[in-house]
Protein backbone atom coordinates (compact mmCIF):
# COMPACT_ATOMS: atom_id res chain seq x y z
CA UNK A 1 16.98 7.11 9.03
CA UNK A 2 14.22 9.61 10.57
CA UNK A 3 12.55 8.48 13.72
CA UNK A 4 8.96 9.10 14.20
CA UNK A 5 8.81 11.84 16.27
CA UNK A 6 11.17 13.99 13.73
CA UNK A 7 8.88 12.95 10.54
CA UNK A 8 5.81 15.18 10.09
CA UNK A 9 2.45 14.07 9.32
CA UNK A 10 1.84 15.79 6.42
CA UNK A 11 5.10 14.04 5.33
CA UNK A 12 4.43 10.91 6.28
CA UNK A 13 0.63 11.37 3.96
CA UNK A 14 2.86 12.25 0.94
CA UNK A 15 5.34 9.23 1.14
CA UNK A 16 1.99 7.29 1.21
CA UNK A 17 0.53 9.48 -1.76
CA UNK A 18 3.88 9.03 -3.68
CA UNK A 19 3.77 5.35 -3.00
CA UNK A 20 0.10 5.41 -4.53
CA UNK A 21 1.44 7.36 -7.88
CA UNK A 22 4.00 4.63 -7.91
CA UNK A 23 1.71 1.53 -7.72
CA UNK A 24 -0.85 3.85 -10.36
CA UNK A 25 2.39 3.55 -13.02
CA UNK A 26 2.67 0.11 -12.38
CA UNK A 27 -0.66 -1.15 -13.96
CA UNK A 28 0.51 0.43 -17.31
CA UNK A 29 3.68 -0.99 -17.06
CA UNK A 30 2.76 -4.43 -16.00
CA UNK A 31 0.11 -4.26 -19.14
CA UNK A 32 3.04 -3.60 -21.51
CA UNK A 33 4.91 -6.67 -19.99
CA UNK A 34 2.15 -8.54 -20.67
CA UNK A 35 2.55 -8.04 -24.07
CA UNK A 36 6.08 -7.85 -24.70
CA UNK A 37 6.92 -10.53 -22.18
CA UNK A 38 4.35 -13.30 -22.87
CA UNK A 39 3.92 -14.17 -19.19
CA UNK A 40 0.94 -13.61 -16.81
CA UNK A 41 0.14 -11.61 -13.87
CA UNK A 42 1.47 -13.97 -11.22
CA UNK A 43 4.80 -14.14 -13.11
CA UNK A 44 4.78 -10.12 -13.46
CA UNK A 45 4.01 -10.03 -10.03
CA UNK A 46 7.08 -12.37 -8.67
CA UNK A 47 9.90 -10.41 -10.96
CA UNK A 48 8.54 -7.19 -9.39
CA UNK A 49 9.22 -9.12 -6.12
CA UNK A 50 12.51 -10.74 -6.92
CA UNK A 51 13.61 -7.57 -8.61
CA UNK A 52 12.92 -5.10 -5.83
CA UNK A 53 14.06 -7.55 -3.13
CA UNK A 54 17.54 -7.40 -5.22
CA UNK A 55 17.69 -3.62 -5.03
CA UNK A 56 16.85 -3.22 -1.41
CA UNK A 57 18.82 -6.34 -0.54
CA UNK A 58 21.73 -4.25 -2.28
CA UNK A 59 20.74 -0.51 -0.56
CA UNK A 60 20.58 -2.48 2.60
CA UNK A 61 23.89 -3.71 2.22
CA UNK A 62 25.59 -0.46 1.48
CA UNK A 63 23.36 1.08 4.43
CA UNK A 64 24.82 -1.69 6.95
CA UNK A 65 28.54 -1.15 6.09
CA UNK A 66 27.81 2.84 6.46
CA UNK A 67 26.08 1.68 9.71
CA UNK A 68 26.83 -1.55 11.26
CA UNK A 69 25.90 -0.72 14.80
CA UNK A 70 21.86 0.46 13.75
CA UNK A 71 21.06 -1.87 11.23
CA UNK A 72 20.69 -5.11 11.62
CA UNK A 73 20.72 -8.26 9.04
CA UNK A 74 18.34 -9.73 7.09
CA UNK A 75 18.44 -13.32 9.29
CA UNK A 76 18.14 -10.81 12.42
CA UNK A 77 15.13 -9.30 10.76
CA UNK A 78 13.38 -12.59 10.46
CA UNK A 79 14.63 -14.34 13.87
CA UNK A 80 13.15 -10.77 15.65
CA UNK A 81 9.57 -11.15 14.50
CA UNK A 82 9.26 -14.20 12.09
CA UNK A 83 5.20 -13.72 12.49
CA UNK A 84 5.38 -10.41 11.26
CA UNK A 85 7.30 -11.48 8.13
CA UNK A 86 4.96 -14.23 7.32
CA UNK A 87 1.79 -12.56 7.59
CA UNK A 88 3.67 -9.06 5.79
CA UNK A 89 4.71 -11.40 2.79
CA UNK A 90 1.80 -13.32 2.61
CA UNK A 91 -0.46 -10.28 2.62
CA UNK A 92 1.18 -8.88 -0.79
CA UNK A 93 1.31 -11.95 -2.49
CA UNK A 94 -2.47 -12.56 -1.60
CA UNK A 95 -3.17 -8.81 -1.97
CA UNK A 96 -1.54 -8.33 -5.66
CA UNK A 97 -2.63 -12.15 -7.22
CA UNK A 98 -6.10 -12.06 -5.75
CA UNK A 99 -6.38 -8.19 -7.44
CA UNK A 100 -5.83 -9.60 -11.00
CA UNK A 101 -7.78 -12.66 -10.55
CA UNK A 102 -10.50 -10.13 -9.53
CA UNK A 103 -10.13 -8.67 -12.61
CA UNK A 104 -10.34 -11.63 -14.85
CA UNK A 105 -13.01 -12.67 -13.62
CA UNK A 106 -15.20 -9.45 -12.78
CA UNK A 107 -13.44 -7.00 -15.37
CA UNK A 108 -11.19 -3.88 -14.82
CA UNK A 109 -13.96 -1.74 -13.43
CA UNK A 110 -15.51 -4.02 -10.63
CA UNK A 111 -12.75 -5.75 -9.99
CA UNK A 112 -10.86 -2.48 -9.05
CA UNK A 113 -13.86 -0.42 -7.12
CA UNK A 114 -14.46 -3.46 -5.27
CA UNK A 115 -10.85 -4.02 -4.14
CA UNK A 116 -9.70 -0.29 -3.69
CA UNK A 117 -13.27 -0.11 -2.20
CA UNK A 118 -13.27 -2.32 0.31
CA UNK A 119 -9.73 -1.79 1.45
CA UNK A 120 -10.30 1.30 3.40
CA UNK A 121 -13.29 0.06 4.34
CA UNK A 122 -11.94 -3.03 6.16
CA UNK A 123 -8.59 -0.82 7.33
CA UNK A 124 -11.05 1.47 9.20
CA UNK A 125 -12.70 -1.44 10.80
CA UNK A 126 -9.59 -3.08 11.58
CA UNK A 127 -7.99 0.11 12.50
CA UNK A 128 -10.71 0.69 15.16
CA UNK A 129 -10.47 -3.05 16.97
CA UNK A 130 -6.82 -3.46 16.78
CA UNK A 131 -5.14 -0.25 17.40
CA UNK A 132 -7.77 1.82 18.82
CA UNK A 133 -7.99 4.61 15.90
CA UNK A 134 -11.08 6.80 15.98
CA UNK A 135 -12.52 7.96 12.76
CA UNK A 136 -14.96 10.42 13.35
CA UNK A 137 -18.00 11.75 11.82
CA UNK A 138 -15.76 14.02 9.43
CA UNK A 139 -13.07 10.86 8.56
CA UNK A 140 -16.15 8.24 7.46
CA UNK A 141 -17.74 11.05 5.54
CA UNK A 142 -14.24 11.50 3.72
CA UNK A 143 -13.65 7.79 3.88
CA UNK A 144 -17.34 7.17 1.97
CA UNK A 145 -16.46 10.03 -0.35
CA UNK A 146 -13.56 8.36 -1.44
CA UNK A 147 -14.94 5.27 -2.10
CA UNK A 148 -18.42 6.83 -4.13
CA UNK A 149 -15.91 8.77 -6.12
CA UNK A 150 -13.56 5.44 -6.56
CA UNK A 151 -17.07 3.85 -8.15
CA UNK A 152 -17.95 6.74 -10.01
CA UNK A 153 -14.23 6.94 -11.64
CA UNK A 154 -14.23 3.35 -12.76
CA UNK A 155 -17.72 3.60 -13.47
CA UNK A 156 -17.45 6.47 -16.04
CA UNK A 157 -14.54 5.16 -17.68
CA UNK A 158 -15.11 1.66 -18.29
CA UNK A 159 -18.31 -0.50 -17.48
CA UNK A 160 -17.20 -3.71 -19.03
CA UNK A 161 -17.36 -6.66 -16.83
CA UNK A 162 -15.72 -10.24 -17.10
CA UNK A 163 -16.88 -13.57 -17.19
CA UNK A 164 -18.24 -14.72 -13.51
CA UNK A 165 -18.46 -11.30 -11.91
CA UNK A 166 -19.35 -12.83 -7.99
CA UNK A 167 -16.39 -15.03 -8.23
CA UNK A 168 -14.57 -11.61 -8.96
CA UNK A 169 -15.69 -9.74 -6.05
CA UNK A 170 -14.85 -12.75 -3.82
CA UNK A 171 -11.28 -12.59 -5.36
CA UNK A 172 -11.75 -8.31 -4.60
CA UNK A 173 -12.58 -8.99 -0.97
CA UNK A 174 -9.57 -11.44 -0.56
CA UNK A 175 -7.51 -9.06 -2.21
CA UNK A 176 -8.54 -6.17 0.21
CA UNK A 177 -8.03 -8.11 3.17
CA UNK A 178 -4.65 -8.65 2.22
CA UNK A 179 -3.77 -5.00 1.54
CA UNK A 180 -5.85 -4.24 4.85
CA UNK A 181 -3.65 -6.75 6.72
CA UNK A 182 -0.17 -5.20 5.00
CA UNK A 183 -1.55 -1.91 6.22
CA UNK A 184 -2.49 -2.51 9.75
CA UNK A 185 0.49 -4.47 10.49
CA UNK A 186 3.08 -1.70 8.95
CA UNK A 187 1.13 0.95 11.46
CA UNK A 188 1.38 -1.23 14.32
CA UNK A 189 5.14 -2.09 13.54
CA UNK A 190 5.83 1.48 12.53
CA UNK A 191 4.23 2.96 15.97
CA UNK A 192 6.59 0.28 18.07
CA UNK A 193 9.54 0.26 15.72
CA UNK A 194 9.91 3.95 14.32
CA UNK A 195 13.16 2.86 12.34
CA UNK A 196 11.61 -0.65 10.75
CA UNK A 197 10.84 0.44 7.09
CA UNK A 198 13.90 -2.22 6.00
CA UNK A 199 12.75 -4.52 8.70
CA UNK A 200 9.17 -4.77 7.43
CA UNK A 201 9.89 -4.58 3.66
CA UNK A 202 12.60 -6.74 3.27
CA UNK A 203 11.42 -10.13 4.84
CA UNK A 204 7.89 -9.61 3.65
CA UNK A 205 8.90 -9.45 -0.01
CA UNK A 206 11.05 -12.47 0.68
CA UNK A 207 8.27 -14.22 1.66
CA UNK A 208 6.16 -12.82 -0.90
CA UNK A 209 8.45 -13.92 -3.34
CA UNK A 210 8.40 -17.30 -2.31
CA UNK A 211 4.55 -17.40 -2.16
CA UNK A 212 4.21 -16.45 -5.59
CA UNK A 213 7.14 -18.72 -6.95
CA UNK A 214 4.67 -21.80 -7.45
CA UNK A 215 1.94 -20.06 -9.41
CA UNK A 216 4.37 -18.16 -11.40
CA UNK A 217 6.20 -21.46 -12.66
CA UNK A 218 2.72 -23.22 -13.41
CA UNK A 219 1.43 -19.90 -14.78
CA UNK A 220 4.92 -19.56 -17.02
CA UNK A 221 8.05 -18.53 -15.48
CA UNK A 222 10.16 -16.63 -17.80
CA UNK A 223 9.56 -13.99 -19.98
CA UNK A 224 10.16 -13.99 -24.01
CA UNK A 225 13.28 -11.80 -25.16
CA UNK A 226 12.76 -10.97 -28.03
CA UNK A 227 12.87 -7.62 -27.33
CA UNK A 228 15.88 -8.27 -24.23
CA UNK A 229 16.40 -4.30 -23.56
CA UNK A 230 13.07 -3.52 -23.13
CA UNK A 231 11.79 -6.59 -21.33
CA UNK A 232 14.59 -5.77 -18.65
CA UNK A 233 13.67 -2.38 -18.65
CA UNK A 234 10.22 -2.97 -17.90
CA UNK A 235 10.97 -5.45 -15.25
CA UNK A 236 13.46 -2.94 -13.57
CA UNK A 237 11.35 -0.52 -13.46
CA UNK A 238 8.36 -2.41 -11.55
CA UNK A 239 10.55 -3.77 -9.48
CA UNK A 240 12.08 -0.11 -8.63
CA UNK A 241 9.68 2.03 -8.32
CA UNK A 242 6.13 0.57 -8.01
CA UNK A 243 7.47 -2.38 -5.74
CA UNK A 244 11.03 -1.21 -3.45
CA UNK A 245 10.16 2.44 -3.10
CA UNK A 246 6.35 2.42 -3.00
CA UNK A 247 6.31 0.00 -0.02
CA UNK A 248 9.36 1.33 1.39
CA UNK A 249 7.43 5.16 1.35
CA UNK A 250 4.58 3.25 2.58
CA UNK A 251 5.84 1.77 5.50
CA UNK A 252 7.74 5.32 6.50
CA UNK A 253 4.27 7.09 6.12
CA UNK A 254 2.52 4.42 8.27
CA UNK A 255 4.88 5.78 11.47
CA UNK A 256 3.05 8.49 11.62
CA UNK A 257 -0.21 8.60 9.46
CA UNK A 258 -3.16 6.52 10.67
CA UNK A 259 -3.81 3.35 8.63
CA UNK A 260 -7.75 4.27 7.63
CA UNK A 261 -6.15 7.54 6.53
CA UNK A 262 -3.19 5.88 4.58
CA UNK A 263 -5.83 3.86 2.95
CA UNK A 264 -7.83 6.62 1.54
CA UNK A 265 -4.64 8.53 0.55
CA UNK A 266 -3.77 5.21 -1.05
CA UNK A 267 -6.55 5.97 -3.74
CA UNK A 268 -4.55 7.93 -5.48
CA UNK A 269 -3.25 5.08 -7.16
CA UNK A 270 -6.50 4.67 -9.44
CA UNK A 271 -6.37 8.41 -10.33
CA UNK A 272 -2.44 8.09 -11.46
CA UNK A 273 -3.67 5.06 -13.58
CA UNK A 274 -6.84 7.14 -15.27
CA UNK A 275 -4.42 10.05 -15.99
CA UNK A 276 -1.96 7.45 -17.82
CA UNK A 277 -4.79 6.92 -19.28
CA UNK A 278 -6.00 9.93 -20.62
CA UNK A 279 -2.08 11.53 -21.50
CA UNK A 280 -0.65 8.78 -22.73
CA UNK A 281 -3.31 6.40 -24.57
CA UNK A 282 -5.65 9.09 -25.09
CA UNK A 283 -8.72 7.88 -23.19
CA UNK A 284 -11.73 10.58 -22.38
CA UNK A 285 -13.32 10.33 -18.96
CA UNK A 286 -17.10 11.66 -18.78
CA UNK A 287 -18.45 13.32 -16.47
CA UNK A 288 -19.66 10.43 -14.26
CA UNK A 289 -15.79 9.61 -14.26
CA UNK A 290 -14.86 13.60 -13.13
CA UNK A 291 -17.45 13.86 -10.66
CA UNK A 292 -15.48 10.60 -9.01
CA UNK A 293 -12.03 12.20 -9.56
CA UNK A 294 -13.50 14.85 -7.79
CA UNK A 295 -14.86 13.05 -5.27
CA UNK A 296 -11.63 10.99 -4.59
CA UNK A 297 -9.09 14.27 -4.58
CA UNK A 298 -11.71 15.90 -1.84
CA UNK A 299 -10.97 12.68 0.40
CA UNK A 300 -7.51 12.51 -0.45
CA UNK A 301 -6.67 15.71 0.45
CA UNK A 302 -9.45 16.29 3.40
CA UNK A 303 -7.84 13.31 5.23
CA UNK A 304 -4.18 14.26 4.72
CA UNK A 305 -5.05 18.15 5.59
CA UNK A 306 -6.73 16.65 9.08
CA UNK A 307 -3.65 14.61 9.69
CA UNK A 308 -1.37 17.22 8.66
CA UNK A 309 -2.85 20.17 10.88
CA UNK A 310 -3.99 17.82 13.88
CA UNK A 311 -2.27 17.46 17.12
CA UNK A 312 0.91 15.25 17.35
CA UNK A 313 -0.05 11.71 18.69
CA UNK A 314 1.88 9.42 20.33
CA UNK A 315 2.99 6.13 19.02
CA UNK A 316 0.74 4.53 21.27
CA UNK A 317 -3.26 4.23 20.64
CA UNK A 318 -5.17 7.96 21.14
CA UNK A 319 -7.27 6.27 23.81
CA UNK A 320 -4.38 4.94 25.73
CA UNK A 321 -2.68 8.80 25.42
CA UNK A 322 -6.05 10.00 26.95
CA UNK A 323 -5.91 7.80 29.89
CA UNK A 324 -2.34 8.53 30.63
CA UNK A 325 -2.98 12.17 30.59
CA UNK A 326 -6.40 12.03 33.08
CA UNK A 327 -3.77 9.78 35.63
CA UNK A 328 -1.00 12.76 35.24
CA UNK A 329 -0.16 14.13 38.45
CA UNK A 330 -1.51 18.01 38.50
CA UNK A 331 1.25 20.60 39.72
CA UNK A 332 1.94 20.63 43.39
CA UNK A 333 4.04 22.74 45.79
CA UNK A 334 4.53 19.57 47.94
CA UNK A 335 8.53 18.41 47.65
CA UNK A 336 8.47 14.90 45.38
CA UNK A 337 9.47 12.03 47.19
């Protein structure tokens, strides 16, 4: 795998955007899975994690057979940092299941706006407190533009609400907190371990799958097999693209892209879902939703460009780098001891 220094920042932002695009397709495929398989969202999430884990384990086995000296075993990944594995997996499980609960209680528009809108805000605060990342006035304005665009997009596309909006917003906060924890931990781990995408994803998927299993069994684990080829194809796609591929690309991108920027670039997710609705299902976006789309695109492109054309950063905190620069010895004609 590439080292952090060899990965351009613009490519890291592109990887995050591709991951978010994959997540955006997952919603439509999961909805089809509910109808065809007759199972609920937690069970679908469990099968996503199980399939994604199986695919990544297969890829990991091939990679380890070719490069045994550089690739750790799954047991070694857990042993190296069990706390990170537990937090990542639990955060993944919470983010997905709480989001589905939010949509169920507050409706699609309110649940999506609350969950995805709170995510960048929590990540921005957490990145400042834990990673020393400064957003700056322009970055803060871009985050606000992205959140406002999300609200307009979802509000203009669907204004329906669920049976208990207040409870749904509570679930949205829980989901956003899980997503923020995964993003911040991925950024922290990526700075310290530039080749650790597998090390973050494989143990996290294992823990997340085990966390979802009891709720999935209670909800109804086994899907209907009236159309076995189609059902298995949907599960395979959900495990391969919006799960395994998406999280690998997210963790690779987080090596070089700041956590706040990654959380705003990830708002490509609802843009993709909206595009699928228009192109596949014949939905129409009104002027409010189109305005929100423009604001979202502006925020994503602005922050991606700002990262890509900025100065290269060390894997350490920018504040620490500035301190090291101030303490660096000045050129001198004296002979070094």
